Amino acid sequence: MDAAVPLTWLLLALQLLTTAASGVLLARRGKRDASRLDRSIRRTAPVLLIAGALPPAALLATDAPAGAWGLWGVGCIAAALVYAFADTLRDIRAAQGQLAAGAGRTP
């Protein structure tokens, strides 16, 4: 068995695990500490990008089956959804903060 085949599956598993962990981290940060969510998004985005960029080299080198390519695609779509969710949550929290600040003022 070629040594690159287990590496390919390991990288795919790492991509999915990283995406899931990032999603949990950003969701919890958005609920508990919305003020630090922006910094968390900026730190998480490169991690998601790197986790998605590593598997294609191994996939190409091993002539991986279609299932492996599909799993990589699922991981990329999931990473994009995690980022979009966190970005939307940040915008919602900012709008709620503006509404709360505006409610205290009298015309």
PDB file of N, CA and C in Angstrom:
ATOM      1  N   MET A   1       0.842  -1.175   0.000  1.00  0.00           N
ATOM      2  CA  MET A   1       0.000   0.000   0.000  1.00  0.00           C
ATOM      3  C   MET A   1       0.890   1.242   0.000  1.00  0.00           C
ATOM      4  N   ASP A   2       0.561   2.158  -0.793  1.00  0.00           N
ATOM      5  CA  ASP A   2       1.312   3.396  -0.906  1.00  0.00           C
ATOM      6  C   ASP A   2       1.128   4.231   0.354  1.00  0.00           C
ATOM      7  N   ALA A   3       2.179   4.888   0.793  1.00  0.00           N
ATOM      8  CA  ALA A   3       2.115   5.679   2.020  1.00  0.00           C
ATOM      9  C   ALA A   3       1.272   6.941   1.854  1.00  0.00           C
ATOM     10  N   ALA A   4       1.078   7.371   0.615  1.00  0.00           N
ATOM     11  CA  ALA A   4       0.323   8.593   0.379  1.00  0.00           C
ATOM     12  C   ALA A   4      -1.186   8.399   0.544  1.00  0.00           C
ATOM     13  N   VAL A   5      -1.660   7.174   0.397  1.00  0.00           N
ATOM     14  CA  VAL A   5      -3.107   6.932   0.511  1.00  0.00           C
ATOM     15  C   VAL A   5      -3.607   7.184   1.936  1.00  0.00           C
ATOM     16  N   PRO A   6      -2.953   6.641   2.971  1.00  0.00           N
ATOM     17  CA  PRO A   6      -3.417   6.990   4.326  1.00  0.00           C
ATOM     18  C   PRO A   6      -3.255   8.477   4.629  1.00  0.00           C
ATOM     19  N   LEU A   7      -2.217   9.091   4.076  1.00  0.00           N
ATOM     20  CA  LEU A   7      -2.025  10.525   4.264  1.00  0.00           C
ATOM     21  C   LEU A   7      -3.191  11.306   3.664  1.00  0.00           C
ATOM     22  N   THR A   8      -3.656  10.867   2.516  1.00  0.00           N
ATOM     23  CA  THR A   8      -4.793  11.524   1.867  1.00  0.00           C
ATOM     24  C   THR A   8      -6.020  11.483   2.769  1.00  0.00           C
ATOM     25  N   TRP A   9      -6.342  10.312   3.290  1.00  0.00           N
ATOM     26  CA  TRP A   9      -7.514  10.173   4.148  1.00  0.00           C
ATOM     27  C   TRP A   9      -7.324  10.910   5.471  1.00  0.00           C
ATOM     28  N   LEU A  10      -6.081  10.942   5.966  1.00  0.00           N
ATOM     29  CA  LEU A  10      -5.802  11.693   7.182  1.00  0.00           C
ATOM     30  C   LEU A  10      -6.022  13.184   6.963  1.00  0.00           C
ATOM     31  N   LEU A  11      -5.574  13.708   5.836  1.00  0.00           N
ATOM     32  CA  LEU A  11      -5.768  15.128   5.533  1.00  0.00           C
ATOM     33  C   LEU A  11      -7.244  15.464   5.360  1.00  0.00           C
ATOM     34  N   LEU A  12      -7.996  14.556   4.748  1.00  0.00           N
ATOM     35  CA  LEU A  12      -9.436  14.786   4.592  1.00  0.00           C
ATOM     36  C   LEU A  12     -10.136  14.784   5.952  1.00  0.00           C
ATOM     37  N   ALA A  13      -9.751  13.858   6.809  1.00  0.00           N
ATOM     38  CA  ALA A  13     -10.339  13.817   8.150  1.00  0.00           C
ATOM     39  C   ALA A  13      -9.954  15.065   8.942  1.00  0.00           C
ATOM     40  N   LEU A  14      -8.716  15.493   8.790  1.00  0.00           N
ATOM     41  CA  LEU A  14      -8.262  16.708   9.468  1.00  0.00           C
ATOM     42  C   LEU A  14      -9.026  17.937   8.984  1.00  0.00           C
ATOM     43  N   GLN A  15      -9.318  17.966   7.687  1.00  0.00           N
ATOM     44  CA  GLN A  15     -10.089  19.086   7.140  1.00  0.00           C
ATOM     45  C   GLN A  15     -11.481  19.132   7.763  1.00  0.00           C
ATOM     46  N   LEU A  16     -12.146  18.009   7.823  1.00  0.00           N
ATOM     47  CA  LEU A  16     -13.498  17.977   8.384  1.00  0.00           C
ATOM     48  C   LEU A  16     -13.491  18.255   9.890  1.00  0.00           C
ATOM     49  N   LEU A  17     -12.500  17.725  10.591  1.00  0.00           N
ATOM     50  CA  LEU A  17     -12.398  17.972  12.020  1.00  0.00           C
ATOM     51  C   LEU A  17     -12.116  19.445  12.305  1.00  0.00           C
ATOM     52  N   THR A  18     -11.246  20.049  11.525  1.00  0.00           N
ATOM     53  CA  THR A  18     -10.936  21.469  11.692  1.00  0.00           C
ATOM     54  C   THR A  18     -12.164  22.327  11.414  1.00  0.00           C
ATOM     55  N   THR A  19     -12.907  21.979  10.385  1.00  0.00           N
ATOM     56  CA  THR A  19     -14.110  22.732  10.051  1.00  0.00           C
ATOM     57  C   THR A  19     -15.153  22.624  11.168  1.00  0.00           C
ATOM     58  N   ALA A  20     -15.346  21.419  11.675  1.00  0.00           N
ATOM     59  CA  ALA A  20     -16.311  21.235  12.763  1.00  0.00           C
ATOM     60  C   ALA A  20     -15.878  21.974  14.023  1.00  0.00           C
ATOM     61  N   ALA A  21     -14.603  21.876  14.374  1.00  0.00           N
ATOM     62  CA  ALA A  21     -14.110  22.567  15.568  1.00  0.00           C
ATOM     63  C   ALA A  21     -14.217  24.082  15.414  1.00  0.00           C
ATOM     64  N   SER A  22     -13.944  24.594  14.231  1.00  0.00           N
ATOM     65  CA  SER A  22     -14.058  26.032  13.992  1.00  0.00           C
ATOM     66  C   SER A  22     -15.509  26.485  14.098  1.00  0.00           C
ATOM     67  N   GLY A  23     -16.426  25.675  13.577  1.00  0.00           N
ATOM     68  CA  GLY A  23     -17.837  26.009  13.674  1.00  0.00           C
ATOM     69  C   GLY A  23     -18.316  26.073  15.110  1.00  0.00           C
ATOM     70  N   VAL A  24     -17.895  25.103  15.918  1.00  0.00           N
ATOM     71  CA  VAL A  24     -18.281  25.093  17.331  1.00  0.00           C
ATOM     72  C   VAL A  24     -17.675  26.288  18.053  1.00  0.00           C
ATOM     73  N   LEU A  25     -16.399  26.564  17.794  1.00  0.00           N
ATOM     74  CA  LEU A  25     -15.737  27.692  18.439  1.00  0.00           C
ATOM     75  C   LEU A  25     -16.422  29.015  18.101  1.00  0.00           C
ATOM     76  N   LEU A  26     -16.707  29.222  16.826  1.00  0.00           N
ATOM     77  CA  LEU A  26     -17.322  30.489  16.414  1.00  0.00           C
ATOM     78  C   LEU A  26     -18.755  30.618  16.917  1.00  0.00           C
ATOM     79  N   ALA A  27     -19.489  29.517  16.944  1.00  0.00           N
ATOM     80  CA  ALA A  27     -20.862  29.573  17.458  1.00  0.00           C
ATOM     81  C   ALA A  27     -20.879  29.908  18.943  1.00  0.00           C
ATOM     82  N   ARG A  28     -19.988  29.278  19.700  1.00  0.00           N
ATOM     83  CA  ARG A  28     -19.926  29.568  21.137  1.00  0.00           C
ATOM     84  C   ARG A  28     -19.449  30.985  21.392  1.00  0.00           C
ATOM     85  N   ARG A  29     -18.467  31.424  20.622  1.00  0.00           N
ATOM     86  CA  ARG A  29     -17.937  32.777  20.811  1.00  0.00           C
ATOM     87  C   ARG A  29     -19.007  33.804  20.480  1.00  0.00           C
ATOM     88  N   GLY A  30     -19.818  33.531  19.472  1.00  0.00           N
ATOM     89  CA  GLY A  30     -20.870  34.462  19.100  1.00  0.00           C
ATOM     90  C   GLY A  30     -21.953  34.586  20.151  1.00  0.00           C
ATOM     91  N   LYS A  31     -22.201  33.509  20.877  1.00  0.00           N
ATOM     92  CA  LYS A  31     -23.224  33.545  21.910  1.00  0.00           C
ATOM     93  C   LYS A  31     -22.711  34.141  23.212  1.00  0.00           C
ATOM     94  N   ARG A  32     -21.474  33.795  23.570  1.00  0.00           N
ATOM     95  CA  ARG A  32     -20.932  34.239  24.857  1.00  0.00           C
ATOM     96  C   ARG A  32     -20.281  35.604  24.794  1.00  0.00           C
ATOM     97  N   ASP A  33     -19.426  35.822  23.815  1.00  0.00           N
ATOM     98  CA  ASP A  33     -18.620  37.040  23.779  1.00  0.00           C
ATOM     99  C   ASP A  33     -18.627  37.603  22.362  1.00  0.00           C
ATOM    100  N   ALA A  34     -19.700  38.264  22.009  1.00  0.00           N
ATOM    101  CA  ALA A  34     -19.863  38.773  20.642  1.00  0.00           C
ATOM    102  C   ALA A  34     -18.836  39.836  20.291  1.00  0.00           C
ATOM    103  N   SER A  35     -18.292  40.515  21.275  1.00  0.00           N
ATOM    104  CA  SER A  35     -17.315  41.565  20.984  1.00  0.00           C
ATOM    105  C   SER A  35     -16.000  40.978  20.463  1.00  0.00           C
ATOM    106  N   ARG A  36     -15.675  39.754  20.843  1.00  0.00           N
ATOM    107  CA  ARG A  36     -14.445  39.115  20.373  1.00  0.00           C
ATOM    108  C   ARG A  36     -14.671  38.231  19.163  1.00  0.00           C
ATOM    109  N   LEU A  37     -15.888  38.177  18.655  1.00  0.00           N
ATOM    110  CA  LEU A  37     -16.186  37.331  17.501  1.00  0.00           C
ATOM    111  C   LEU A  37     -15.433  37.777  16.258  1.00  0.00           C
ATOM    112  N   ASP A  38     -15.277  39.068  16.067  1.00  0.00           N
ATOM    113  CA  ASP A  38     -14.579  39.574  14.888  1.00  0.00           C
ATOM    114  C   ASP A  38     -13.138  39.073  14.853  1.00  0.00           C
ATOM    115  N   ARG A  39     -12.454  39.134  15.983  1.00  0.00           N
ATOM    116  CA  ARG A  39     -11.070  38.653  16.045  1.00  0.00           C
ATOM    117  C   ARG A  39     -11.008  37.146  15.832  1.00  0.00           C
ATOM    118  N   SER A  40     -11.975  36.414  16.347  1.00  0.00           N
ATOM    119  CA  SER A  40     -12.006  34.964  16.158  1.00  0.00           C
ATOM    120  C   SER A  40     -12.216  34.595  14.695  1.00  0.00           C
ATOM    121  N   ILE A  41     -13.041  35.357  14.004  1.00  0.00           N
ATOM    122  CA  ILE A  41     -13.265  35.091  12.582  1.00  0.00           C
ATOM    123  C   ILE A  41     -11.980  35.317  11.804  1.00  0.00           C
ATOM    124  N   ARG A  42     -11.282  36.407  12.120  1.00  0.00           N
ATOM    125  CA  ARG A  42     -10.034  36.692  11.405  1.00  0.00           C
ATOM    126  C   ARG A  42      -8.976  35.633  11.678  1.00  0.00           C
ATOM    127  N   ARG A  43      -8.975  35.041  12.837  1.00  0.00           N
ATOM    128  CA  ARG A  43      -8.012  33.979  13.146  1.00  0.00           C
ATOM    129  C   ARG A  43      -8.423  32.638  12.578  1.00  0.00           C
ATOM    130  N   THR A  44      -9.700  32.394  12.460  1.00  0.00           N
ATOM    131  CA  THR A  44     -10.192  31.108  11.989  1.00  0.00           C
ATOM    132  C   THR A  44     -10.150  30.988  10.471  1.00  0.00           C
ATOM    133  N   ALA A  45     -10.326  32.081   9.760  1.00  0.00           N
ATOM    134  CA  ALA A  45     -10.371  32.037   8.294  1.00  0.00           C
ATOM    135  C   ALA A  45      -9.111  31.424   7.679  1.00  0.00           C
ATOM    136  N   PRO A  46      -7.897  31.812   8.086  1.00  0.00           N
ATOM    137  CA  PRO A  46      -6.718  31.170   7.488  1.00  0.00           C
ATOM    138  C   PRO A  46      -6.610  29.685   7.826  1.00  0.00           C
ATOM    139  N   VAL A  47      -7.058  29.298   9.015  1.00  0.00           N
ATOM    140  CA  VAL A  47      -7.015  27.893   9.404  1.00  0.00           C
ATOM    141  C   VAL A  47      -7.940  27.077   8.505  1.00  0.00           C
ATOM    142  N   LEU A  48      -9.137  27.592   8.242  1.00  0.00           N
ATOM    143  CA  LEU A  48     -10.063  26.906   7.343  1.00  0.00           C
ATOM    144  C   LEU A  48      -9.500  26.824   5.930  1.00  0.00           C
ATOM    145  N   LEU A  49      -8.857  27.893   5.485  1.00  0.00           N
ATOM    146  CA  LEU A  49      -8.271  27.910   4.144  1.00  0.00           C
ATOM    147  C   LEU A  49      -7.142  26.892   4.021  1.00  0.00           C
ATOM    148  N   ILE A  50      -6.262  26.842   4.990  1.00  0.00           N
ATOM    149  CA  ILE A  50      -5.144  25.897   4.945  1.00  0.00           C
ATOM    150  C   ILE A  50      -5.640  24.459   5.023  1.00  0.00           C
ATOM    151  N   ALA A  51      -6.622  24.213   5.882  1.00  0.00           N
ATOM    152  CA  ALA A  51      -7.172  22.860   6.010  1.00  0.00           C
ATOM    153  C   ALA A  51      -7.824  22.399   4.711  1.00  0.00           C
ATOM    154  N   GLY A  52      -8.363  23.322   3.938  1.00  0.00           N
ATOM    155  CA  GLY A  52      -8.964  22.956   2.657  1.00  0.00           C
ATOM    156  C   GLY A  52      -7.975  22.895   1.517  1.00  0.00           C
ATOM    157  N   ALA A  53      -6.834  23.561   1.660  1.00  0.00           N
ATOM    158  CA  ALA A  53      -5.848  23.610   0.583  1.00  0.00           C
ATOM    159  C   ALA A  53      -4.861  22.444   0.620  1.00  0.00           C
ATOM    160  N   LEU A  54      -4.715  21.770   1.728  1.00  0.00           N
ATOM    161  CA  LEU A  54      -3.752  20.676   1.819  1.00  0.00           C
ATOM    162  C   LEU A  54      -4.178  19.386   1.102  1.00  0.00           C
ATOM    163  N   PRO A  55      -5.429  18.939   1.219  1.00  0.00           N
ATOM    164  CA  PRO A  55      -5.792  17.659   0.616  1.00  0.00           C
ATOM    165  C   PRO A  55      -5.665  17.558  -0.912  1.00  0.00           C
ATOM    166  N   PRO A  56      -5.890  18.606  -1.717  1.00  0.00           N
ATOM    167  CA  PRO A  56      -5.820  18.397  -3.165  1.00  0.00           C
ATOM    168  C   PRO A  56      -4.466  17.878  -3.673  1.00  0.00           C
ATOM    169  N   ALA A  57      -3.378  18.282  -3.060  1.00  0.00           N
ATOM    170  CA  ALA A  57      -2.072  17.777  -3.490  1.00  0.00           C
ATOM    171  C   ALA A  57      -1.985  16.268  -3.273  1.00  0.00           C
ATOM    172  N   ALA A  58      -2.451  15.802  -2.122  1.00  0.00           N
ATOM    173  CA  ALA A  58      -2.434  14.369  -1.846  1.00  0.00           C
ATOM    174  C   ALA A  58      -3.449  13.633  -2.722  1.00  0.00           C
ATOM    175  N   LEU A  59      -4.577  14.265  -2.988  1.00  0.00           N
ATOM    176  CA  LEU A  59      -5.586  13.642  -3.840  1.00  0.00           C
ATOM    177  C   LEU A  59      -5.055  13.455  -5.259  1.00  0.00           C
ATOM    178  N   LEU A  60      -4.353  14.438  -5.759  1.00  0.00           N
ATOM    179  CA  LEU A  60      -3.777  14.336  -7.101  1.00  0.00           C
ATOM    180  C   LEU A  60      -2.638  13.334  -7.153  1.00  0.00           C
ATOM    181  N   ALA A  61      -1.819  13.287  -6.113  1.00  0.00           N
ATOM    182  CA  ALA A  61      -0.661  12.397  -6.100  1.00  0.00           C
ATOM    183  C   ALA A  61      -1.058  10.930  -6.016  1.00  0.00           C
ATOM    184  N   THR A  62      -2.169  10.631  -5.385  1.00  0.00           N
ATOM    185  CA  THR A  62      -2.564   9.236  -5.185  1.00  0.00           C
ATOM    186  C   THR A  62      -3.588   8.747  -6.197  1.00  0.00           C
ATOM    187  N   ASP A  63      -4.003   9.605  -7.104  1.00  0.00           N
ATOM    188  CA  ASP A  63      -5.069   9.252  -8.036  1.00  0.00           C
ATOM    189  C   ASP A  63      -6.272   8.728  -7.240  1.00  0.00           C
ATOM    190  N   ALA A  64      -6.728   9.571  -6.344  1.00  0.00           N
ATOM    191  CA  ALA A  64      -7.767   9.213  -5.376  1.00  0.00           C
ATOM    192  C   ALA A  64      -9.105   8.926  -6.059  1.00  0.00           C
ATOM    193  N   PRO A  65      -9.917   8.098  -5.417  1.00  0.00           N
ATOM    194  CA  PRO A  65     -11.247   7.807  -5.974  1.00  0.00           C
ATOM    195  C   PRO A  65     -12.176   9.012  -5.868  1.00  0.00           C
ATOM    196  N   ALA A  66     -13.285   8.907  -6.559  1.00  0.00           N
ATOM    197  CA  ALA A  66     -14.252  10.011  -6.600  1.00  0.00           C
ATOM    198  C   ALA A  66     -14.819  10.312  -5.215  1.00  0.00           C
ATOM    199  N   GLY A  67     -14.941   9.300  -4.380  1.00  0.00           N
ATOM    200  CA  GLY A  67     -15.452   9.510  -3.032  1.00  0.00           C
ATOM    201  C   GLY A  67     -14.567  10.424  -2.212  1.00  0.00           C
ATOM    202  N   ALA A  68     -13.260  10.294  -2.386  1.00  0.00           N
ATOM    203  CA  ALA A  68     -12.323  11.162  -1.674  1.00  0.00           C
ATOM    204  C   ALA A  68     -12.443  12.593  -2.169  1.00  0.00           C
ATOM    205  N   TRP A  69     -12.573  12.761  -3.477  1.00  0.00           N
ATOM    206  CA  TRP A  69     -12.761  14.109  -4.022  1.00  0.00           C
ATOM    207  C   TRP A  69     -14.078  14.705  -3.541  1.00  0.00           C
ATOM    208  N   GLY A  70     -15.109  13.883  -3.469  1.00  0.00           N
ATOM    209  CA  GLY A  70     -16.394  14.354  -2.965  1.00  0.00           C
ATOM    210  C   GLY A  70     -16.327  14.766  -1.506  1.00  0.00           C
ATOM    211  N   LEU A  71     -15.581  14.003  -0.712  1.00  0.00           N
ATOM    212  CA  LEU A  71     -15.410  14.346   0.694  1.00  0.00           C
ATOM    213  C   LEU A  71     -14.655  15.660   0.836  1.00  0.00           C
ATOM    214  N   TRP A  72     -13.659  15.880  -0.013  1.00  0.00           N
ATOM    215  CA  TRP A  72     -12.933  17.153   0.007  1.00  0.00           C
ATOM    216  C   TRP A  72     -13.890  18.298  -0.356  1.00  0.00           C
ATOM    217  N   GLY A  73     -14.747  18.098  -1.341  1.00  0.00           N
ATOM    218  CA  GLY A  73     -15.722  19.117  -1.720  1.00  0.00           C
ATOM    219  C   GLY A  73     -16.702  19.422  -0.595  1.00  0.00           C
ATOM    220  N   VAL A  74     -17.141  18.396   0.087  1.00  0.00           N
ATOM    221  CA  VAL A  74     -18.036  18.585   1.232  1.00  0.00           C
ATOM    222  C   VAL A  74     -17.342  19.403   2.312  1.00  0.00           C
ATOM    223  N   GLY A  75     -16.071  19.112   2.547  1.00  0.00           N
ATOM    224  CA  GLY A  75     -15.312  19.867   3.542  1.00  0.00           C
ATOM    225  C   GLY A  75     -15.169  21.332   3.156  1.00  0.00           C
ATOM    226  N   CYS A  76     -14.946  21.598   1.875  1.00  0.00           N
ATOM    227  CA  CYS A  76     -14.812  22.990   1.418  1.00  0.00           C
ATOM    228  C   CYS A  76     -16.132  23.745   1.545  1.00  0.00           C
ATOM    229  N   ILE A  77     -17.214  23.100   1.179  1.00  0.00           N
ATOM    230  CA  ILE A  77     -18.526  23.731   1.305  1.00  0.00           C
ATOM    231  C   ILE A  77     -18.867  23.971   2.776  1.00  0.00           C
ATOM    232  N   ALA A  78     -18.554  23.000   3.629  1.00  0.00           N
ATOM    233  CA  ALA A  78     -18.810  23.160   5.058  1.00  0.00           C
ATOM    234  C   ALA A  78     -17.991  24.313   5.636  1.00  0.00           C
ATOM    235  N   ALA A  79     -16.737  24.447   5.216  1.00  0.00           N
ATOM    236  CA  ALA A  79     -15.897  25.552   5.695  1.00  0.00           C
ATOM    237  C   ALA A  79     -16.474  26.895   5.252  1.00  0.00           C
ATOM    238  N   ALA A  80     -16.959  26.959   4.030  1.00  0.00           N
ATOM    239  CA  ALA A  80     -17.571  28.207   3.552  1.00  0.00           C
ATOM    240  C   ALA A  80     -18.831  28.536   4.347  1.00  0.00           C
ATOM    241  N   LEU A  81     -19.612  27.517   4.678  1.00  0.00           N
ATOM    242  CA  LEU A  81     -20.823  27.747   5.471  1.00  0.00           C
ATOM    243  C   LEU A  81     -20.501  28.174   6.896  1.00  0.00           C
ATOM    244  N   VAL A  82     -19.453  27.609   7.481  1.00  0.00           N
ATOM    245  CA  VAL A  82     -19.027  28.013   8.830  1.00  0.00           C
ATOM    246  C   VAL A  82     -18.638  29.479   8.826  1.00  0.00           C
ATOM    247  N   TYR A  83     -17.856  29.884   7.846  1.00  0.00           N
ATOM    248  CA  TYR A  83     -17.427  31.279   7.765  1.00  0.00           C
ATOM    249  C   TYR A  83     -18.626  32.200   7.542  1.00  0.00           C
ATOM    250  N   ALA A  84     -19.526  31.806   6.638  1.00  0.00           N
ATOM    251  CA  ALA A  84     -20.700  32.633   6.363  1.00  0.00           C
ATOM    252  C   ALA A  84     -21.596  32.759   7.596  1.00  0.00           C
ATOM    253  N   PHE A  85     -21.755  31.674   8.337  1.00  0.00           N
ATOM    254  CA  PHE A  85     -22.547  31.709   9.567  1.00  0.00           C
ATOM    255  C   PHE A  85     -21.941  32.680  10.579  1.00  0.00           C
ATOM    256  N   ALA A  86     -20.629  32.583  10.782  1.00  0.00           N
ATOM    257  CA  ALA A  86     -19.971  33.461  11.751  1.00  0.00           C
ATOM    258  C   ALA A  86     -20.043  34.918  11.315  1.00  0.00           C
ATOM    259  N   ASP A  87     -19.881  35.168  10.032  1.00  0.00           N
ATOM    260  CA  ASP A  87     -19.947  36.536   9.526  1.00  0.00           C
ATOM    261  C   ASP A  87     -21.355  37.108   9.694  1.00  0.00           C
ATOM    262  N   THR A  88     -22.351  36.299   9.424  1.00  0.00           N
ATOM    263  CA  THR A  88     -23.735  36.734   9.602  1.00  0.00           C
ATOM    264  C   THR A  88     -24.050  36.967  11.077  1.00  0.00           C
ATOM    265  N   LEU A  89     -23.568  36.076  11.935  1.00  0.00           N
ATOM    266  CA  LEU A  89     -23.775  36.240  13.371  1.00  0.00           C
ATOM    267  C   LEU A  89     -23.129  37.526  13.875  1.00  0.00           C
ATOM    268  N   ARG A  90     -21.953  37.853  13.358  1.00  0.00           N
ATOM    269  CA  ARG A  90     -21.278  39.089  13.744  1.00  0.00           C
ATOM    270  C   ARG A  90     -22.113  40.300  13.330  1.00  0.00           C
ATOM    271  N   ASP A  91     -22.664  40.268  12.114  1.00  0.00           N
ATOM    272  CA  ASP A  91     -23.492  41.383  11.647  1.00  0.00           C
ATOM    273  C   ASP A  91     -24.770  41.520  12.469  1.00  0.00           C
ATOM    274  N   ILE A  92     -25.369  40.397  12.828  1.00  0.00           N
ATOM    275  CA  ILE A  92     -26.592  40.428  13.631  1.00  0.00           C
ATOM    276  C   ILE A  92     -26.306  41.008  15.008  1.00  0.00           C
ATOM    277  N   ARG A  93     -25.206  40.572  15.626  1.00  0.00           N
ATOM    278  CA  ARG A  93     -24.839  41.093  16.946  1.00  0.00           C
ATOM    279  C   ARG A  93     -24.543  42.589  16.890  1.00  0.00           C
ATOM    280  N   ALA A  94     -23.891  43.044  15.820  1.00  0.00           N
ATOM    281  CA  ALA A  94     -23.599  44.476  15.683  1.00  0.00           C
ATOM    282  C   ALA A  94     -24.891  45.273  15.524  1.00  0.00           C
ATOM    283  N   ALA A  95     -25.838  44.748  14.751  1.00  0.00           N
ATOM    284  CA  ALA A  95     -27.118  45.442  14.568  1.00  0.00           C
ATOM    285  C   ALA A  95     -27.908  45.469  15.875  1.00  0.00           C
ATOM    286  N   GLN A  96     -27.866  44.388  16.633  1.00  0.00           N
ATOM    287  CA  GLN A  96     -28.559  44.366  17.922  1.00  0.00           C
ATOM    288  C   GLN A  96     -27.941  45.370  18.886  1.00  0.00           C
ATOM    289  N   GLY A  97     -26.626  45.508  18.842  1.00  0.00           N
ATOM    290  CA  GLY A  97     -25.960  46.486  19.699  1.00  0.00           C
ATOM    291  C   GLY A  97     -26.336  47.914  19.326  1.00  0.00           C
ATOM    292  N   GLN A  98     -26.470  48.187  18.040  1.00  0.00           N
ATOM    293  CA  GLN A  98     -26.878  49.515  17.596  1.00  0.00           C
ATOM    294  C   GLN A  98     -28.311  49.816  17.987  1.00  0.00           C
ATOM    295  N   LEU A  99     -29.162  48.800  17.898  1.00  0.00           N
ATOM    296  CA  LEU A  99     -30.562  49.006  18.300  1.00  0.00           C
ATOM    297  C   LEU A  99     -30.664  49.242  19.804  1.00  0.00           C
ATOM    298  N   ALA A 100     -29.877  48.521  20.578  1.00  0.00           N
ATOM    299  CA  ALA A 100     -29.914  48.703  22.028  1.00  0.00           C
ATOM    300  C   ALA A 100     -29.365  50.075  22.409  1.00  0.00           C
ATOM    301  N   ALA A 101     -28.336  50.514  21.726  1.00  0.00           N
ATOM    302  CA  ALA A 101     -27.782  51.833  22.012  1.00  0.00           C
ATOM    303  C   ALA A 101     -28.747  52.938  21.589  1.00  0.00           C
ATOM    304  N   GLY A 102     -29.445  52.732  20.502  1.00  0.00           N
ATOM    305  CA  GLY A 102     -30.399  53.719  20.018  1.00  0.00           C
ATOM    306  C   GLY A 102     -31.677  53.765  20.851  1.00  0.00           C
ATOM    307  N   ALA A 103     -32.021  52.684  21.520  1.00  0.00           N
ATOM    308  CA  ALA A 103     -33.250  52.640  22.329  1.00  0.00           C
ATOM    309  C   ALA A 103     -33.117  53.487  23.574  1.00  0.00           C
ATOM    310  N   GLY A 104     -31.878  53.700  24.054  1.00  0.00           N
ATOM    311  CA  GLY A 104     -31.679  54.485  25.261  1.00  0.00           C
ATOM    312  C   GLY A 104     -31.779  55.987  25.027  1.00  0.00           C
ATOM    313  N   ARG A 105     -31.714  56.425  23.783  1.00  0.00           N
ATOM    314  CA  ARG A 105     -31.773  57.856  23.489  1.00  0.00           C
ATOM    315  C   ARG A 105     -33.219  58.311  23.343  1.00  0.00           C
ATOM    316  N   THR A 106     -33.468  59.514  23.748  1.00  0.00           N
ATOM    317  CA  THR A 106     -34.797  60.094  23.564  1.00  0.00           C
ATOM    318  C   THR A 106     -34.711  61.170  22.498  1.00  0.00           C
ATOM    319  N   PRO A 107     -35.703  61.238  21.626  1.00  0.00           N
ATOM    320  CA  PRO A 107     -35.684  62.242  20.553  1.00  0.00           C
ATOM    321  C   PRO A 107     -35.970  63.636  21.040  1.00  0.00           C
TER     322      PRO A 107
END
